């Protein structure tokens, strides 16, 4: 598997079969919605289970978890795409999840929960 504009090499197909159930267990057991949003999106695209559409599915999962946590659904603006991709690269290749954790935090503001 090759990811355009990334140094990240996804796990092998055999490892994906083990990683996906662990991924779902992690999401099920994480009590904090904001943590689920970051980890759910990041770990899904890190595992990269499909040949195409992993980023779109990761962003969909992020939005699903935003809504489940009571926050508004969001779209990553085109102008923020480079920042988004750089943050993913930092997390997946350089093992620094900070920039990626801070990226959705810009969309999640205290007090903007849906009623």
Protein backbone atom coordinates (compact mmCIF):
# COMPACT_ATOMS: atom_id res chain seq x y z
CA UNK A 1 0.00 0.00 0.00
CA UNK A 2 1.26 3.46 -0.91
CA UNK A 3 -0.16 6.71 0.45
CA UNK A 4 0.42 9.68 -1.82
CA UNK A 5 2.43 12.50 -0.19
CA UNK A 6 3.14 10.45 2.95
CA UNK A 7 6.02 8.49 4.42
CA UNK A 8 3.55 6.36 6.41
CA UNK A 9 3.48 2.69 5.45
CA UNK A 10 0.21 1.09 6.60
CA UNK A 11 0.20 -2.31 8.32
CA UNK A 12 0.13 -5.46 6.21
CA UNK A 13 -3.26 -7.03 5.38
CA UNK A 14 -2.67 -9.66 8.07
CA UNK A 15 -1.99 -7.00 10.68
CA UNK A 16 -5.12 -5.10 9.60
CA UNK A 17 -7.22 -8.16 10.50
CA UNK A 18 -5.86 -7.92 14.05
CA UNK A 19 -5.82 -4.12 14.27
CA UNK A 20 -9.45 -3.45 13.35
CA UNK A 21 -11.02 -5.40 16.26
CA UNK A 22 -8.53 -3.73 18.63
CA UNK A 23 -9.51 -0.35 17.13
CA UNK A 24 -13.21 -0.98 17.80
CA UNK A 25 -12.45 -2.18 21.34
CA UNK A 26 -10.49 1.02 21.99
CA UNK A 27 -13.37 3.20 20.81
CA UNK A 28 -15.92 1.23 22.81
CA UNK A 29 -13.86 1.47 26.02
CA UNK A 30 -12.82 5.15 25.75
CA UNK A 31 -15.16 7.19 27.98
CA UNK A 32 -14.10 10.66 26.80
CA UNK A 33 -15.77 11.78 23.54
CA UNK A 34 -12.99 14.24 22.60
CA UNK A 35 -10.40 11.45 22.89
CA UNK A 36 -12.56 9.14 20.76
CA UNK A 37 -12.73 11.84 18.08
CA UNK A 38 -8.95 12.16 17.83
CA UNK A 39 -8.05 8.50 18.26
CA UNK A 40 -10.92 7.21 16.15
CA UNK A 41 -9.94 9.34 13.19
CA UNK A 42 -6.17 8.94 13.57
CA UNK A 43 -6.05 5.21 14.24
CA UNK A 44 -8.45 4.42 11.41
CA UNK A 45 -6.35 6.28 8.84
CA UNK A 46 -3.18 4.85 10.40
CA UNK A 47 -4.48 1.29 9.93
CA UNK A 48 -5.61 2.25 6.40
CA UNK A 49 -7.81 -0.84 5.89
CA UNK A 50 -9.06 0.02 2.37
CA UNK A 51 -7.24 0.62 -0.89
CA UNK A 52 -9.13 3.90 -1.35
CA UNK A 53 -11.32 6.20 0.70
CA UNK A 54 -9.56 5.86 4.07
CA UNK A 55 -9.29 9.62 4.56
CA UNK A 56 -12.93 10.19 3.67
CA UNK A 57 -13.99 7.37 5.98
CA UNK A 58 -11.74 8.72 8.75
CA UNK A 59 -13.32 12.16 8.43
CA UNK A 60 -16.77 10.57 8.41
CA UNK A 61 -15.91 8.67 11.61
CA UNK A 62 -14.62 11.91 13.14
CA UNK A 63 -17.93 13.59 12.35
CA UNK A 64 -19.94 10.64 13.63
CA UNK A 65 -18.04 10.85 16.92
CA UNK A 66 -18.40 14.65 17.00
CA UNK A 67 -22.18 14.26 16.69
CA UNK A 68 -22.23 11.43 19.27
CA UNK A 69 -20.32 13.71 21.66
CA UNK A 70 -22.80 16.51 21.13
CA UNK A 71 -20.69 18.73 18.86
CA UNK A 72 -21.54 20.08 15.44
CA UNK A 73 -20.70 18.13 12.30
CA UNK A 74 -17.75 19.78 10.55
CA UNK A 75 -15.98 19.88 7.22
CA UNK A 76 -12.24 20.40 7.06
CA UNK A 77 -11.90 23.48 4.85
CA UNK A 78 -9.79 23.14 1.73
CA UNK A 79 -7.54 25.93 3.05
CA UNK A 80 -6.72 23.72 6.08
CA UNK A 81 -5.93 20.60 4.04
CA UNK A 82 -2.14 21.05 4.21
CA UNK A 83 -2.29 21.60 7.98
CA UNK A 84 -4.48 18.51 8.33
CA UNK A 85 -2.16 16.35 6.23
CA UNK A 86 0.94 17.66 8.05
CA UNK A 87 -0.67 16.85 11.40
CA UNK A 88 -1.48 13.31 10.24
CA UNK A 89 2.08 12.88 8.99
CA UNK A 90 3.52 14.09 12.31
CA UNK A 91 1.36 11.59 14.17
CA UNK A 92 1.83 8.58 11.93
CA UNK A 93 5.48 8.97 10.90
CA UNK A 94 7.09 11.01 13.67
CA UNK A 95 4.91 9.62 16.49
CA UNK A 96 3.85 13.10 17.63
CA UNK A 97 0.06 13.13 17.92
CA UNK A 98 0.01 16.62 19.45
CA UNK A 99 -0.53 18.58 16.22
CA UNK A 100 -3.26 16.16 15.12
CA UNK A 101 -4.97 16.25 18.53
CA UNK A 102 -4.92 20.05 18.37
CA UNK A 103 -6.33 20.12 14.84
CA UNK A 104 -9.87 18.91 15.64
CA UNK A 105 -9.70 20.83 18.92
CA UNK A 106 -10.02 23.93 16.74
CA UNK A 107 -13.45 22.63 15.73
CA UNK A 108 -14.46 21.56 19.22
CA UNK A 109 -15.04 24.61 21.36
CA UNK A 110 -16.20 24.41 24.94
CA UNK A 111 -19.83 25.35 25.23
CA UNK A 112 -20.71 24.67 21.56
CA UNK A 113 -22.40 21.39 22.31
CA UNK A 114 -25.67 20.61 20.61
CA UNK A 115 -28.72 20.60 22.85
